[in-house]
Amino acid sequence: MALIEVFDDTRQHGTCRSCNAPIEWAQLRSGKRMPFDGEIVPVRTFHDDDRRLIAVVDSTMSASHFATCPQAGDWRRRHR
């Protein structure tokens, strides 16, 4: 089970611009933003040192939309 920690106050619902699937965006503790399929399902929450609520997400229950979108390759950055 891979756990992902996201800032709970950054969660936003949206729609994928490629496949029109419902997604939920959240900022990871690393600072990167990540789209999740459907609704994020936290397995637990806690407060960090700055008192921000962190949602711990099981990646098998809340998959990254980057991994499941049929058009994900169109959005990847190309490195030269």
C-alpha atoms as a PDB file:
ATOM      1  CA  MET A   1       0.000   0.000   0.000  1.00  0.00           C
ATOM      2  CA  ALA A   2       1.495   3.326  -1.102  1.00  0.00           C
ATOM      3  CA  LEU A   3       0.440   6.305   0.990  1.00  0.00           C
ATOM      4  CA  ILE A   4       0.286   9.854  -0.347  1.00  0.00           C
ATOM      5  CA  GLU A   5       0.051  12.905   1.929  1.00  0.00           C
ATOM      6  CA  VAL A   6      -1.914  15.898   0.641  1.00  0.00           C
ATOM      7  CA  PHE A   7      -2.846  19.248   2.167  1.00  0.00           C
ATOM      8  CA  ASP A   8      -6.552  18.881   2.894  1.00  0.00           C
ATOM      9  CA  ASP A   9      -7.244  22.599   2.346  1.00  0.00           C
ATOM     10  CA  THR A  10      -6.049  22.393  -1.291  1.00  0.00           C
ATOM     11  CA  ARG A  11      -8.584  19.795  -2.445  1.00  0.00           C
ATOM     12  CA  GLN A  12     -10.706  20.966  -5.404  1.00  0.00           C
ATOM     13  CA  HIS A  13     -13.167  19.129  -7.632  1.00  0.00           C
ATOM     14  CA  GLY A  14     -12.889  19.403 -11.390  1.00  0.00           C
ATOM     15  CA  THR A  15     -13.156  17.629 -14.707  1.00  0.00           C
ATOM     16  CA  CYS A  16     -10.320  16.268 -16.839  1.00  0.00           C
ATOM     17  CA  ARG A  17      -9.917  18.468 -19.924  1.00  0.00           C
ATOM     18  CA  SER A  18      -9.031  15.434 -22.039  1.00  0.00           C
ATOM     19  CA  CYS A  19     -11.464  12.653 -21.112  1.00  0.00           C
ATOM     20  CA  ASN A  20     -14.065  14.636 -19.100  1.00  0.00           C
ATOM     21  CA  ALA A  21     -13.755  12.294 -16.105  1.00  0.00           C
ATOM     22  CA  PRO A  22     -14.544  13.739 -12.663  1.00  0.00           C
ATOM     23  CA  ILE A  23     -11.288  14.393 -10.779  1.00  0.00           C
ATOM     24  CA  GLU A  24     -10.175  15.974  -7.540  1.00  0.00           C
ATOM     25  CA  TRP A  25      -6.986  18.044  -7.408  1.00  0.00           C
ATOM     26  CA  ALA A  26      -4.816  18.319  -4.305  1.00  0.00           C
ATOM     27  CA  GLN A  27      -1.373  19.651  -3.442  1.00  0.00           C
ATOM     28  CA  LEU A  28       1.072  17.059  -2.180  1.00  0.00           C
ATOM     29  CA  ARG A  29       3.302  17.882   0.771  1.00  0.00           C
ATOM     30  CA  SER A  30       6.147  18.053  -1.773  1.00  0.00           C
ATOM     31  CA  GLY A  31       4.407  21.077  -3.317  1.00  0.00           C
ATOM     32  CA  LYS A  32       3.331  19.391  -6.562  1.00  0.00           C
ATOM     33  CA  ARG A  33      -0.347  19.270  -7.556  1.00  0.00           C
ATOM     34  CA  MET A  34      -1.910  15.932  -8.463  1.00  0.00           C
ATOM     35  CA  PRO A  35      -5.268  14.938  -9.968  1.00  0.00           C
ATOM     36  CA  PHE A  36      -7.055  11.960  -8.407  1.00  0.00           C
ATOM     37  CA  ASP A  37      -9.790   9.843  -9.977  1.00  0.00           C
ATOM     38  CA  GLY A  38     -13.144  10.770  -8.458  1.00  0.00           C
ATOM     39  CA  GLU A  39     -13.190  11.669  -4.784  1.00  0.00           C
ATOM     40  CA  ILE A  40     -10.110  11.488  -2.541  1.00  0.00           C
ATOM     41  CA  VAL A  41     -10.652   8.937   0.238  1.00  0.00           C
ATOM     42  CA  PRO A  42      -8.344   9.633   3.201  1.00  0.00           C
ATOM     43  CA  VAL A  43      -7.379   6.688   5.385  1.00  0.00           C
ATOM     44  CA  ARG A  44      -6.443   9.074   8.209  1.00  0.00           C
ATOM     45  CA  THR A  45      -5.688  12.738   8.871  1.00  0.00           C
ATOM     46  CA  PHE A  46      -3.262  14.630  11.104  1.00  0.00           C
ATOM     47  CA  HIS A  47      -1.938  18.158  11.594  1.00  0.00           C
ATOM     48  CA  ASP A  48       1.604  19.034  10.524  1.00  0.00           C
ATOM     49  CA  ASP A  49       3.950  21.350  12.464  1.00  0.00           C
ATOM     50  CA  ASP A  50       2.266  24.412  10.895  1.00  0.00           C
ATOM     51  CA  ARG A  51      -1.156  23.104  12.047  1.00  0.00           C
ATOM     52  CA  ARG A  52      -2.277  22.352   8.461  1.00  0.00           C
ATOM     53  CA  LEU A  53      -4.534  19.345   8.109  1.00  0.00           C
ATOM     54  CA  ILE A  54      -2.892  16.541   6.132  1.00  0.00           C
ATOM     55  CA  ALA A  55      -5.000  13.830   4.485  1.00  0.00           C
ATOM     56  CA  VAL A  56      -3.216  10.510   4.076  1.00  0.00           C
ATOM     57  CA  VAL A  57      -4.460   8.797   0.920  1.00  0.00           C
ATOM     58  CA  ASP A  58      -4.028   5.149  -0.077  1.00  0.00           C
ATOM     59  CA  SER A  59      -3.049   5.264  -3.757  1.00  0.00           C
ATOM     60  CA  THR A  60      -4.871   1.986  -4.427  1.00  0.00           C
ATOM     61  CA  MET A  61      -8.171   3.540  -3.270  1.00  0.00           C
ATOM     62  CA  SER A  62      -7.648   7.004  -4.784  1.00  0.00           C
ATOM     63  CA  ALA A  63      -5.652   6.550  -7.973  1.00  0.00           C
ATOM     64  CA  SER A  64      -3.739   9.302  -9.717  1.00  0.00           C
ATOM     65  CA  HIS A  65      -5.591  10.407 -12.821  1.00  0.00           C
ATOM     66  CA  PHE A  66      -2.167  10.792 -14.484  1.00  0.00           C
ATOM     67  CA  ALA A  67      -1.986   6.972 -14.432  1.00  0.00           C
ATOM     68  CA  THR A  68      -5.522   6.250 -15.644  1.00  0.00           C
ATOM     69  CA  CYS A  69      -6.378   8.985 -18.183  1.00  0.00           C
ATOM     70  CA  PRO A  70      -6.472   7.629 -21.765  1.00  0.00           C
ATOM     71  CA  GLN A  71      -4.884  10.879 -23.001  1.00  0.00           C
ATOM     72  CA  ALA A  72      -2.289  11.272 -20.213  1.00  0.00           C
ATOM     73  CA  GLY A  73       0.573  11.158 -22.720  1.00  0.00           C
ATOM     74  CA  ASP A  74      -0.702  14.355 -24.357  1.00  0.00           C
ATOM     75  CA  TRP A  75      -0.148  16.261 -21.097  1.00  0.00           C
ATOM     76  CA  ARG A  76       3.322  14.986 -20.183  1.00  0.00           C
ATOM     77  CA  ARG A  77       6.150  17.468 -20.452  1.00  0.00           C
ATOM     78  CA  ARG A  78       8.646  16.587 -23.108  1.00  0.00           C
ATOM     79  CA  HIS A  79      12.328  16.821 -22.148  1.00  0.00           C
ATOM     80  CA  ARG A  80      14.912  17.464 -24.846  1.00  0.00           C
END
